[in-house]
Amino acid sequence: MRLKGKEEMIRLINARDPEYNYGALYLAMRDLGGITVAHPTLALIGKDLRDVPDADGKLFRHEMIAIANGPGRGWVDYKFKNPANGKVEAKTTYVLRIGDVALEAGVYKR
């Protein structure tokens, strides 16, 4: 993002550019208040999903926002539906604050 700039990264993420979207592995961007700024699922853009829990009831996005507003980088574990197989699986997401947004990239644990 430091090379391409925030607006170009938003465009590329939302366009599902293959450099940033590999199916179940993709980049998303959230502002520091929790609003989705960029996501390959366009219906999520502009949404505040902080209070939507994972499969176990964990409010994992609160943790993501706390990391972005605190240390600026870190991992969050939760359970989420894997789009590759439709099953709820353990997932971990790395959160990295850059300026006034947080980039997120998650992977499903096997």
PDB file of N, CA and C in Angstrom:
ATOM      1  N   MET A   1       0.822  -1.178   0.000  1.00  0.00           N
ATOM      2  CA  MET A   1       0.000   0.000   0.000  1.00  0.00           C
ATOM      3  C   MET A   1       0.872   1.250   0.000  1.00  0.00           C
ATOM      4  N   ARG A   2       2.018   1.147   0.610  1.00  0.00           N
ATOM      5  CA  ARG A   2       2.910   2.306   0.627  1.00  0.00           C
ATOM      6  C   ARG A   2       3.390   2.657  -0.780  1.00  0.00           C
ATOM      7  N   LEU A   3       3.471   1.664  -1.653  1.00  0.00           N
ATOM      8  CA  LEU A   3       3.909   1.923  -3.025  1.00  0.00           C
ATOM      9  C   LEU A   3       2.761   2.358  -3.927  1.00  0.00           C
ATOM     10  N   LYS A   4       1.607   1.749  -3.751  1.00  0.00           N
ATOM     11  CA  LYS A   4       0.484   2.012  -4.653  1.00  0.00           C
ATOM     12  C   LYS A   4      -0.425   3.131  -4.164  1.00  0.00           C
ATOM     13  N   GLY A   5      -0.427   3.389  -2.865  1.00  0.00           N
ATOM     14  CA  GLY A   5      -1.330   4.392  -2.308  1.00  0.00           C
ATOM     15  C   GLY A   5      -2.652   3.770  -1.889  1.00  0.00           C
ATOM     16  N   LYS A   6      -3.294   4.417  -0.952  1.00  0.00           N
ATOM     17  CA  LYS A   6      -4.535   3.889  -0.376  1.00  0.00           C
ATOM     18  C   LYS A   6      -5.653   3.752  -1.409  1.00  0.00           C
ATOM     19  N   GLU A   7      -5.893   4.779  -2.206  1.00  0.00           N
ATOM     20  CA  GLU A   7      -7.012   4.734  -3.157  1.00  0.00           C
ATOM     21  C   GLU A   7      -6.826   3.633  -4.203  1.00  0.00           C
ATOM     22  N   GLU A   8      -5.604   3.447  -4.671  1.00  0.00           N
ATOM     23  CA  GLU A   8      -5.347   2.380  -5.644  1.00  0.00           C
ATOM     24  C   GLU A   8      -5.516   1.011  -4.999  1.00  0.00           C
ATOM     25  N   MET A   9      -5.088   0.860  -3.750  1.00  0.00           N
ATOM     26  CA  MET A   9      -5.278  -0.419  -3.051  1.00  0.00           C
ATOM     27  C   MET A   9      -6.761  -0.719  -2.867  1.00  0.00           C
ATOM     28  N   ILE A  10      -7.539   0.280  -2.519  1.00  0.00           N
ATOM     29  CA  ILE A  10      -8.988   0.090  -2.392  1.00  0.00           C
ATOM     30  C   ILE A  10      -9.553  -0.404  -3.715  1.00  0.00           C
ATOM     31  N   ARG A  11      -9.160   0.235  -4.797  1.00  0.00           N
ATOM     32  CA  ARG A  11      -9.657  -0.160  -6.125  1.00  0.00           C
ATOM     33  C   ARG A  11      -9.268  -1.598  -6.461  1.00  0.00           C
ATOM     34  N   LEU A  12      -8.016  -1.957  -6.211  1.00  0.00           N
ATOM     35  CA  LEU A  12      -7.530  -3.301  -6.546  1.00  0.00           C
ATOM     36  C   LEU A  12      -8.201  -4.382  -5.696  1.00  0.00           C
ATOM     37  N   ILE A  13      -8.355  -4.126  -4.409  1.00  0.00           N
ATOM     38  CA  ILE A  13      -9.017  -5.105  -3.535  1.00  0.00           C
ATOM     39  C   ILE A  13     -10.466  -5.289  -3.966  1.00  0.00           C
ATOM     40  N   ASN A  14     -11.171  -4.186  -4.188  1.00  0.00           N
ATOM     41  CA  ASN A  14     -12.579  -4.268  -4.580  1.00  0.00           C
ATOM     42  C   ASN A  14     -12.765  -4.910  -5.952  1.00  0.00           C
ATOM     43  N   ALA A  15     -11.767  -4.784  -6.820  1.00  0.00           N
ATOM     44  CA  ALA A  15     -11.832  -5.379  -8.162  1.00  0.00           C
ATOM     45  C   ALA A  15     -11.436  -6.854  -8.164  1.00  0.00           C
ATOM     46  N   ARG A  16     -11.117  -7.388  -6.975  1.00  0.00           N
ATOM     47  CA  ARG A  16     -10.683  -8.788  -6.850  1.00  0.00           C
ATOM     48  C   ARG A  16      -9.432  -9.056  -7.696  1.00  0.00           C
ATOM     49  N   ASP A  17      -8.538  -8.085  -7.727  1.00  0.00           N
ATOM     50  CA  ASP A  17      -7.289  -8.243  -8.461  1.00  0.00           C
ATOM     51  C   ASP A  17      -6.577  -9.498  -7.958  1.00  0.00           C
ATOM     52  N   PRO A  18      -6.136 -10.387  -8.870  1.00  0.00           N
ATOM     53  CA  PRO A  18      -5.522 -11.651  -8.443  1.00  0.00           C
ATOM     54  C   PRO A  18      -4.256 -11.485  -7.608  1.00  0.00           C
ATOM     55  N   GLU A  19      -3.639 -10.324  -7.651  1.00  0.00           N
ATOM     56  CA  GLU A  19      -2.468 -10.090  -6.810  1.00  0.00           C
ATOM     57  C   GLU A  19      -2.857 -10.020  -5.328  1.00  0.00           C
ATOM     58  N   TYR A  20      -4.124  -9.707  -5.055  1.00  0.00           N
ATOM     59  CA  TYR A  20      -4.591  -9.527  -3.678  1.00  0.00           C
ATOM     60  C   TYR A  20      -5.759 -10.432  -3.312  1.00  0.00           C
ATOM     61  N   ASN A  21      -6.136 -11.325  -4.218  1.00  0.00           N
ATOM     62  CA  ASN A  21      -7.282 -12.195  -3.975  1.00  0.00           C
ATOM     63  C   ASN A  21      -7.001 -13.576  -4.547  1.00  0.00           C
ATOM     64  N   TYR A  22      -6.858 -14.554  -3.634  1.00  0.00           N
ATOM     65  CA  TYR A  22      -6.609 -15.944  -4.034  1.00  0.00           C
ATOM     66  C   TYR A  22      -7.723 -16.825  -3.497  1.00  0.00           C
ATOM     67  N   GLY A  23      -8.965 -16.482  -3.753  1.00  0.00           N
ATOM     68  CA  GLY A  23     -10.089 -17.269  -3.253  1.00  0.00           C
ATOM     69  C   GLY A  23     -10.290 -17.057  -1.765  1.00  0.00           C
ATOM     70  N   ALA A  24      -9.978 -18.089  -0.962  1.00  0.00           N
ATOM     71  CA  ALA A  24     -10.155 -17.988   0.490  1.00  0.00           C
ATOM     72  C   ALA A  24      -9.078 -17.127   1.142  1.00  0.00           C
ATOM     73  N   LEU A  25      -8.033 -16.788   0.413  1.00  0.00           N
ATOM     74  CA  LEU A  25      -6.972 -15.906   0.913  1.00  0.00           C
ATOM     75  C   LEU A  25      -7.070 -14.588   0.146  1.00  0.00           C
ATOM     76  N   TYR A  26      -7.381 -13.521   0.875  1.00  0.00           N
ATOM     77  CA  TYR A  26      -7.577 -12.230   0.223  1.00  0.00           C
ATOM     78  C   TYR A  26      -7.261 -11.099   1.194  1.00  0.00           C
ATOM     79  N   LEU A  27      -7.041  -9.924   0.652  1.00  0.00           N
ATOM     80  CA  LEU A  27      -6.857  -8.728   1.469  1.00  0.00           C
ATOM     81  C   LEU A  27      -8.188  -8.018   1.636  1.00  0.00           C
ATOM     82  N   ALA A  28      -8.366  -7.418   2.805  1.00  0.00           N
ATOM     83  CA  ALA A  28      -9.490  -6.527   3.071  1.00  0.00           C
ATOM     84  C   ALA A  28      -8.929  -5.310   3.787  1.00  0.00           C
ATOM     85  N   MET A  29      -9.710  -4.239   3.819  1.00  0.00           N
ATOM     86  CA  MET A  29      -9.271  -3.013   4.480  1.00  0.00           C
ATOM     87  C   MET A  29     -10.432  -2.463   5.299  1.00  0.00           C
ATOM     88  N   ARG A  30     -10.101  -2.015   6.511  1.00  0.00           N
ATOM     89  CA  ARG A  30     -11.090  -1.465   7.425  1.00  0.00           C
ATOM     90  C   ARG A  30     -10.551  -0.142   7.970  1.00  0.00           C
ATOM     91  N   ASP A  31     -11.449   0.826   8.214  1.00  0.00           N
ATOM     92  CA  ASP A  31     -10.966   2.046   8.860  1.00  0.00           C
ATOM     93  C   ASP A  31     -10.796   1.776  10.352  1.00  0.00           C
ATOM     94  N   LEU A  32     -10.226   2.716  11.072  1.00  0.00           N
ATOM     95  CA  LEU A  32      -9.886   2.481  12.472  1.00  0.00           C
ATOM     96  C   LEU A  32     -11.098   2.491  13.393  1.00  0.00           C
ATOM     97  N   GLY A  33     -12.263   2.820  12.848  1.00  0.00           N
ATOM     98  CA  GLY A  33     -13.510   2.730  13.601  1.00  0.00           C
ATOM     99  C   GLY A  33     -14.251   1.434  13.347  1.00  0.00           C
ATOM    100  N   GLY A  34     -13.782   0.644  12.375  1.00  0.00           N
ATOM    101  CA  GLY A  34     -14.379  -0.659  12.106  1.00  0.00           C
ATOM    102  C   GLY A  34     -15.196  -0.765  10.835  1.00  0.00           C
ATOM    103  N   ILE A  35     -15.291   0.291  10.059  1.00  0.00           N
ATOM    104  CA  ILE A  35     -16.070   0.257   8.822  1.00  0.00           C
ATOM    105  C   ILE A  35     -15.233  -0.368   7.707  1.00  0.00           C
ATOM    106  N   THR A  36     -15.831  -1.298   6.966  1.00  0.00           N
ATOM    107  CA  THR A  36     -15.148  -1.951   5.852  1.00  0.00           C
ATOM    108  C   THR A  36     -14.975  -0.945   4.716  1.00  0.00           C
ATOM    109  N   VAL A  37     -13.742  -0.739   4.316  1.00  0.00           N
ATOM    110  CA  VAL A  37     -13.393   0.219   3.262  1.00  0.00           C
ATOM    111  C   VAL A  37     -13.187  -0.499   1.933  1.00  0.00           C
ATOM    112  N   ALA A  38     -12.587  -1.688   1.981  1.00  0.00           N
ATOM    113  CA  ALA A  38     -12.326  -2.463   0.766  1.00  0.00           C
ATOM    114  C   ALA A  38     -12.453  -3.940   1.098  1.00  0.00           C
ATOM    115  N   HIS A  39     -13.094  -4.674   0.184  1.00  0.00           N
ATOM    116  CA  HIS A  39     -13.303  -6.110   0.386  1.00  0.00           C
ATOM    117  C   HIS A  39     -13.696  -6.711  -0.957  1.00  0.00           C
ATOM    118  N   PRO A  40     -13.245  -7.937  -1.252  1.00  0.00           N
ATOM    119  CA  PRO A  40     -13.653  -8.550  -2.516  1.00  0.00           C
ATOM    120  C   PRO A  40     -15.152  -8.846  -2.586  1.00  0.00           C
ATOM    121  N   THR A  41     -15.827  -8.937  -1.443  1.00  0.00           N
ATOM    122  CA  THR A  41     -17.289  -9.056  -1.418  1.00  0.00           C
ATOM    123  C   THR A  41     -17.839  -7.638  -1.303  1.00  0.00           C
ATOM    124  N   LEU A  42     -18.224  -7.069  -2.429  1.00  0.00           N
ATOM    125  CA  LEU A  42     -18.580  -5.652  -2.491  1.00  0.00           C
ATOM    126  C   LEU A  42     -19.727  -5.270  -1.566  1.00  0.00           C
ATOM    127  N   ALA A  43     -20.618  -6.195  -1.264  1.00  0.00           N
ATOM    128  CA  ALA A  43     -21.753  -5.902  -0.380  1.00  0.00           C
ATOM    129  C   ALA A  43     -21.308  -5.534   1.033  1.00  0.00           C
ATOM    130  N   LEU A  44     -20.067  -5.856   1.401  1.00  0.00           N
ATOM    131  CA  LEU A  44     -19.571  -5.556   2.751  1.00  0.00           C
ATOM    132  C   LEU A  44     -18.984  -4.150   2.875  1.00  0.00           C
ATOM    133  N   ILE A  45     -18.726  -3.495   1.758  1.00  0.00           N
ATOM    134  CA  ILE A  45     -18.112  -2.165   1.781  1.00  0.00           C
ATOM    135  C   ILE A  45     -19.074  -1.168   2.422  1.00  0.00           C
ATOM    136  N   GLY A  46     -18.533  -0.388   3.350  1.00  0.00           N
ATOM    137  CA  GLY A  46     -19.336   0.597   4.063  1.00  0.00           C
ATOM    138  C   GLY A  46     -20.055   0.044   5.279  1.00  0.00           C
ATOM    139  N   LYS A  47     -19.921  -1.249   5.526  1.00  0.00           N
ATOM    140  CA  LYS A  47     -20.614  -1.896   6.648  1.00  0.00           C
ATOM    141  C   LYS A  47     -19.758  -1.890   7.907  1.00  0.00           C
ATOM    142  N   ASP A  48     -20.444  -1.774   9.034  1.00  0.00           N
ATOM    143  CA  ASP A  48     -19.828  -1.920  10.350  1.00  0.00           C
ATOM    144  C   ASP A  48     -20.199  -3.312  10.845  1.00  0.00           C
ATOM    145  N   LEU A  49     -19.249  -4.223  10.807  1.00  0.00           N
ATOM    146  CA  LEU A  49     -19.499  -5.624  11.164  1.00  0.00           C
ATOM    147  C   LEU A  49     -18.906  -5.989  12.521  1.00  0.00           C
ATOM    148  N   ARG A  50     -18.527  -4.978  13.305  1.00  0.00           N
ATOM    149  CA  ARG A  50     -17.872  -5.242  14.593  1.00  0.00           C
ATOM    150  C   ARG A  50     -18.689  -6.142  15.506  1.00  0.00           C
ATOM    151  N   ASP A  51     -20.000  -5.992  15.492  1.00  0.00           N
ATOM    152  CA  ASP A  51     -20.836  -6.745  16.423  1.00  0.00           C
ATOM    153  C   ASP A  51     -21.392  -8.034  15.835  1.00  0.00           C
ATOM    154  N   VAL A  52     -20.872  -8.451  14.687  1.00  0.00           N
ATOM    155  CA  VAL A  52     -21.247  -9.742  14.095  1.00  0.00           C
ATOM    156  C   VAL A  52     -20.239 -10.774  14.591  1.00  0.00           C
ATOM    157  N   PRO A  53     -20.702 -11.753  15.381  1.00  0.00           N
ATOM    158  CA  PRO A  53     -19.769 -12.718  15.980  1.00  0.00           C
ATOM    159  C   PRO A  53     -19.356 -13.823  15.016  1.00  0.00           C
ATOM    160  N   ASP A  54     -18.305 -14.539  15.418  1.00  0.00           N
ATOM    161  CA  ASP A  54     -17.913 -15.737  14.677  1.00  0.00           C
ATOM    162  C   ASP A  54     -18.835 -16.884  15.087  1.00  0.00           C
ATOM    163  N   ALA A  55     -18.534 -18.087  14.641  1.00  0.00           N
ATOM    164  CA  ALA A  55     -19.386 -19.253  14.895  1.00  0.00           C
ATOM    165  C   ALA A  55     -19.507 -19.594  16.379  1.00  0.00           C
ATOM    166  N   ASP A  56     -18.533 -19.168  17.186  1.00  0.00           N
ATOM    167  CA  ASP A  56     -18.564 -19.432  18.630  1.00  0.00           C
ATOM    168  C   ASP A  56     -19.047 -18.233  19.441  1.00  0.00           C
ATOM    169  N   GLY A  57     -19.465 -17.181  18.770  1.00  0.00           N
ATOM    170  CA  GLY A  57     -19.947 -15.995  19.470  1.00  0.00           C
ATOM    171  C   GLY A  57     -18.880 -14.962  19.785  1.00  0.00           C
ATOM    172  N   LYS A  58     -17.669 -15.185  19.323  1.00  0.00           N
ATOM    173  CA  LYS A  58     -16.563 -14.253  19.586  1.00  0.00           C
ATOM    174  C   LYS A  58     -16.699 -13.015  18.698  1.00  0.00           C
ATOM    175  N   LEU A  59     -16.579 -11.840  19.296  1.00  0.00           N
ATOM    176  CA  LEU A  59     -16.607 -10.584  18.539  1.00  0.00           C
ATOM    177  C   LEU A  59     -15.185 -10.253  18.077  1.00  0.00           C
ATOM    178  N   PHE A  60     -14.717 -11.028  17.137  1.00  0.00           N
ATOM    179  CA  PHE A  60     -13.315 -10.979  16.709  1.00  0.00           C
ATOM    180  C   PHE A  60     -12.924  -9.666  16.049  1.00  0.00           C
ATOM    181  N   ARG A  61     -13.873  -8.991  15.430  1.00  0.00           N
ATOM    182  CA  ARG A  61     -13.522  -7.724  14.780  1.00  0.00           C
ATOM    183  C   ARG A  61     -13.184  -6.639  15.804  1.00  0.00           C
ATOM    184  N   HIS A  62     -13.752  -6.743  17.003  1.00  0.00           N
ATOM    185  CA  HIS A  62     -13.361  -5.817  18.074  1.00  0.00           C
ATOM    186  C   HIS A  62     -11.866  -5.975  18.361  1.00  0.00           C
ATOM    187  N   GLU A  63     -11.413  -7.224  18.357  1.00  0.00           N
ATOM    188  CA  GLU A  63      -9.990  -7.510  18.579  1.00  0.00           C
ATOM    189  C   GLU A  63      -9.140  -6.921  17.449  1.00  0.00           C
ATOM    190  N   MET A  64      -9.613  -7.055  16.211  1.00  0.00           N
ATOM    191  CA  MET A  64      -8.886  -6.505  15.064  1.00  0.00           C
ATOM    192  C   MET A  64      -8.741  -4.991  15.183  1.00  0.00           C
ATOM    193  N   ILE A  65      -9.826  -4.322  15.560  1.00  0.00           N
ATOM    194  CA  ILE A  65      -9.796  -2.869  15.693  1.00  0.00           C
ATOM    195  C   ILE A  65      -8.877  -2.454  16.840  1.00  0.00           C
ATOM    196  N   ALA A  66      -8.901  -3.214  17.935  1.00  0.00           N
ATOM    197  CA  ALA A  66      -8.019  -2.912  19.073  1.00  0.00           C
ATOM    198  C   ALA A  66      -6.552  -3.043  18.676  1.00  0.00           C
ATOM    199  N   ILE A  67      -6.237  -4.049  17.881  1.00  0.00           N
ATOM    200  CA  ILE A  67      -4.859  -4.213  17.401  1.00  0.00           C
ATOM    201  C   ILE A  67      -4.477  -3.039  16.505  1.00  0.00           C
ATOM    202  N   ALA A  68      -5.365  -2.688  15.574  1.00  0.00           N
ATOM    203  CA  ALA A  68      -5.072  -1.583  14.653  1.00  0.00           C
ATOM    204  C   ALA A  68      -4.855  -0.275  15.409  1.00  0.00           C
ATOM    205  N   ASN A  69      -5.646  -0.036  16.439  1.00  0.00           N
ATOM    206  CA  ASN A  69      -5.546   1.207  17.204  1.00  0.00           C
ATOM    207  C   ASN A  69      -4.500   1.154  18.307  1.00  0.00           C
ATOM    208  N   GLY A  70      -3.986  -0.039  18.594  1.00  0.00           N
ATOM    209  CA  GLY A  70      -2.978  -0.197  19.641  1.00  0.00           C
ATOM    210  C   GLY A  70      -1.605  -0.419  19.044  1.00  0.00           C
ATOM    211  N   PRO A  71      -1.131  -1.677  19.102  1.00  0.00           N
ATOM    212  CA  PRO A  71       0.225  -1.950  18.614  1.00  0.00           C
ATOM    213  C   PRO A  71       0.388  -1.783  17.100  1.00  0.00           C
ATOM    214  N   GLY A  72      -0.720  -1.838  16.357  1.00  0.00           N
ATOM    215  CA  GLY A  72      -0.645  -1.615  14.916  1.00  0.00           C
ATOM    216  C   GLY A  72      -0.405  -2.846  14.079  1.00  0.00           C
ATOM    217  N   ARG A  73      -0.154  -3.978  14.735  1.00  0.00           N
ATOM    218  CA  ARG A  73       0.020  -5.236  13.994  1.00  0.00           C
ATOM    219  C   ARG A  73      -0.172  -6.403  14.946  1.00  0.00           C
ATOM    220  N   GLY A  74      -0.768  -7.471  14.415  1.00  0.00           N
ATOM    221  CA  GLY A  74      -0.959  -8.657  15.239  1.00  0.00           C
ATOM    222  C   GLY A  74      -1.951  -9.618  14.614  1.00  0.00           C
ATOM    223  N   TRP A  75      -2.092 -10.767  15.259  1.00  0.00           N
ATOM    224  CA  TRP A  75      -2.936 -11.862  14.772  1.00  0.00           C
ATOM    225  C   TRP A  75      -4.214 -11.972  15.596  1.00  0.00           C
ATOM    226  N   VAL A  76      -5.306 -12.380  14.931  1.00  0.00           N
ATOM    227  CA  VAL A  76      -6.583 -12.642  15.592  1.00  0.00           C
ATOM    228  C   VAL A  76      -7.078 -14.004  15.120  1.00  0.00           C
ATOM    229  N   ASP A  77      -7.431 -14.868  16.071  1.00  0.00           N
ATOM    230  CA  ASP A  77      -7.963 -16.202  15.772  1.00  0.00           C
ATOM    231  C   ASP A  77      -9.473 -16.214  15.986  1.00  0.00           C
ATOM    232  N   TYR A  78     -10.175 -16.911  15.100  1.00  0.00           N
ATOM    233  CA  TYR A  78     -11.633 -17.017  15.192  1.00  0.00           C
ATOM    234  C   TYR A  78     -12.095 -18.154  14.292  1.00  0.00           C
ATOM    235  N   LYS A  79     -13.394 -18.405  14.262  1.00  0.00           N
ATOM    236  CA  LYS A  79     -13.954 -19.444  13.392  1.00  0.00           C
ATOM    237  C   LYS A  79     -14.893 -18.785  12.396  1.00  0.00           C
ATOM    238  N   PHE A  80     -14.749 -19.203  11.138  1.00  0.00           N
ATOM    239  CA  PHE A  80     -15.487 -18.546  10.066  1.00  0.00           C
ATOM    240  C   PHE A  80     -15.784 -19.560   8.966  1.00  0.00           C
ATOM    241  N   LYS A  81     -16.829 -19.306   8.213  1.00  0.00           N
ATOM    242  CA  LYS A  81     -17.196 -20.195   7.105  1.00  0.00           C
ATOM    243  C   LYS A  81     -16.179 -20.052   5.975  1.00  0.00           C
ATOM    244  N   ASN A  82     -15.564 -21.174   5.609  1.00  0.00           N
ATOM    245  CA  ASN A  82     -14.586 -21.195   4.532  1.00  0.00           C
ATOM    246  C   ASN A  82     -15.331 -21.229   3.195  1.00  0.00           C
ATOM    247  N   PRO A  83     -15.143 -20.226   2.338  1.00  0.00           N
ATOM    248  CA  PRO A  83     -15.858 -20.218   1.065  1.00  0.00           C
ATOM    249  C   PRO A  83     -15.447 -21.354   0.129  1.00  0.00           C
ATOM    250  N   ALA A  84     -14.294 -21.955   0.378  1.00  0.00           N
ATOM    251  CA  ALA A  84     -13.827 -23.050  -0.480  1.00  0.00           C
ATOM    252  C   ALA A  84     -14.634 -24.326  -0.280  1.00  0.00           C
ATOM    253  N   ASN A  85     -15.144 -24.539   0.964  1.00  0.00           N
ATOM    254  CA  ASN A  85     -15.871 -25.791   1.212  1.00  0.00           C
ATOM    255  C   ASN A  85     -17.183 -25.599   1.974  1.00  0.00           C
ATOM    256  N   GLY A  86     -17.490 -24.372   2.373  1.00  0.00           N
ATOM    257  CA  GLY A  86     -18.742 -24.090   3.067  1.00  0.00           C
ATOM    258  C   GLY A  86     -18.773 -24.499   4.527  1.00  0.00           C
ATOM    259  N   LYS A  87     -17.638 -24.985   5.063  1.00  0.00           N
ATOM    260  CA  LYS A  87     -17.583 -25.437   6.454  1.00  0.00           C
ATOM    261  C   LYS A  87     -17.012 -24.347   7.354  1.00  0.00           C
ATOM    262  N   VAL A  88     -17.482 -24.324   8.608  1.00  0.00           N
ATOM    263  CA  VAL A  88     -16.911 -23.416   9.598  1.00  0.00           C
ATOM    264  C   VAL A  88     -15.581 -24.002  10.044  1.00  0.00           C
ATOM    265  N   GLU A  89     -14.518 -23.199   9.928  1.00  0.00           N
ATOM    266  CA  GLU A  89     -13.171 -23.662  10.255  1.00  0.00           C
ATOM    267  C   GLU A  89     -12.425 -22.592  11.040  1.00  0.00           C
ATOM    268  N   ALA A  90     -11.373 -23.013  11.714  1.00  0.00           N
ATOM    269  CA  ALA A  90     -10.505 -22.075  12.429  1.00  0.00           C
ATOM    270  C   ALA A  90      -9.768 -21.213  11.407  1.00  0.00           C
ATOM    271  N   LYS A  91      -9.721 -19.929  11.681  1.00  0.00           N
ATOM    272  CA  LYS A  91      -9.063 -18.982  10.784  1.00  0.00           C
ATOM    273  C   LYS A  91      -8.214 -18.034  11.629  1.00  0.00           C
ATOM    274  N   THR A  92      -7.126 -17.573  11.073  1.00  0.00           N
ATOM    275  CA  THR A  92      -6.307 -16.558  11.725  1.00  0.00           C
ATOM    276  C   THR A  92      -6.070 -15.429  10.731  1.00  0.00           C
ATOM    277  N   THR A  93      -6.170 -14.205  11.210  1.00  0.00           N
ATOM    278  CA  THR A  93      -6.012 -13.037  10.346  1.00  0.00           C
ATOM    279  C   THR A  93      -4.941 -12.120  10.913  1.00  0.00           C
ATOM    280  N   TYR A  94      -4.063 -11.668  10.025  1.00  0.00           N
ATOM    281  CA  TYR A  94      -3.044 -10.699  10.403  1.00  0.00           C
ATOM    282  C   TYR A  94      -3.587  -9.309  10.112  1.00  0.00           C
ATOM    283  N   VAL A  95      -3.469  -8.432  11.080  1.00  0.00           N
ATOM    284  CA  VAL A  95      -3.932  -7.052  10.973  1.00  0.00           C
ATOM    285  C   VAL A  95      -2.706  -6.141  10.973  1.00  0.00           C
ATOM    286  N   LEU A  96      -2.651  -5.225  10.015  1.00  0.00           N
ATOM    287  CA  LEU A  96      -1.537  -4.287   9.913  1.00  0.00           C
ATOM    288  C   LEU A  96      -2.081  -2.887   9.669  1.00  0.00           C
ATOM    289  N   ARG A  97      -1.824  -1.991  10.611  1.00  0.00           N
ATOM    290  CA  ARG A  97      -2.249  -0.607  10.436  1.00  0.00           C
ATOM    291  C   ARG A  97      -1.251   0.116   9.536  1.00  0.00           C
ATOM    292  N   ILE A  98      -1.815   0.816   8.549  1.00  0.00           N
ATOM    293  CA  ILE A  98      -1.021   1.695   7.696  1.00  0.00           C
ATOM    294  C   ILE A  98      -1.795   3.010   7.611  1.00  0.00           C
ATOM    295  N   GLY A  99      -1.276   4.019   8.268  1.00  0.00           N
ATOM    296  CA  GLY A  99      -1.962   5.310   8.280  1.00  0.00           C
ATOM    297  C   GLY A  99      -3.283   5.227   9.017  1.00  0.00           C
ATOM    298  N   ASP A 100      -4.366   5.587   8.325  1.00  0.00           N
ATOM    299  CA  ASP A 100      -5.682   5.629   8.957  1.00  0.00           C
ATOM    300  C   ASP A 100      -6.557   4.415   8.642  1.00  0.00           C
ATOM    301  N   VAL A 101      -5.937   3.327   8.175  1.00  0.00           N
ATOM    302  CA  VAL A 101      -6.675   2.095   7.886  1.00  0.00           C
ATOM    303  C   VAL A 101      -5.890   0.879   8.369  1.00  0.00           C
ATOM    304  N   ALA A 102      -6.576  -0.252   8.400  1.00  0.00           N
ATOM    305  CA  ALA A 102      -5.931  -1.525   8.721  1.00  0.00           C
ATOM    306  C   ALA A 102      -6.132  -2.477   7.555  1.00  0.00           C
ATOM    307  N   LEU A 103      -5.044  -3.074   7.095  1.00  0.00           N
ATOM    308  CA  LEU A 103      -5.118  -4.148   6.108  1.00  0.00           C
ATOM    309  C   LEU A 103      -5.259  -5.454   6.866  1.00  0.00           C
ATOM    310  N   GLU A 104      -6.055  -6.364   6.326  1.00  0.00           N
ATOM    311  CA  GLU A 104      -6.281  -7.659   6.957  1.00  0.00           C
ATOM    312  C   GLU A 104      -6.105  -8.756   5.917  1.00  0.00           C
ATOM    313  N   ALA A 105      -5.387  -9.804   6.309  1.00  0.00           N
ATOM    314  CA  ALA A 105      -5.221 -10.978   5.453  1.00  0.00           C
ATOM    315  C   ALA A 105      -5.328 -12.202   6.345  1.00  0.00           C
ATOM    316  N   GLY A 106      -6.273 -13.080   6.042  1.00  0.00           N
ATOM    317  CA  GLY A 106      -6.491 -14.251   6.883  1.00  0.00           C
ATOM    318  C   GLY A 106      -6.315 -15.550   6.128  1.00  0.00           C
ATOM    319  N   VAL A 107      -5.981 -16.590   6.878  1.00  0.00           N
ATOM    320  CA  VAL A 107      -5.848 -17.929   6.313  1.00  0.00           C
ATOM    321  C   VAL A 107      -6.585 -18.920   7.203  1.00  0.00           C
ATOM    322  N   TYR A 108      -7.109 -19.948   6.586  1.00  0.00           N
ATOM    323  CA  TYR A 108      -7.760 -21.024   7.331  1.00  0.00           C
ATOM    324  C   TYR A 108      -6.708 -22.006   7.788  1.00  0.00           C
ATOM    325  N   LYS A 109      -6.828 -22.411   9.050  1.00  0.00           N
ATOM    326  CA  LYS A 109      -5.895 -23.388   9.613  1.00  0.00           C
ATOM    327  C   LYS A 109      -6.364 -24.774   9.213  1.00  0.00           C
ATOM    328  N   ARG A 110      -5.454 -25.663   9.005  1.00  0.00           N
ATOM    329  CA  ARG A 110      -5.833 -27.036   8.618  1.00  0.00           C
ATOM    330  C   ARG A 110      -5.317 -28.006   9.638  1.00  0.00           C
TER     331      ARG A 110
END
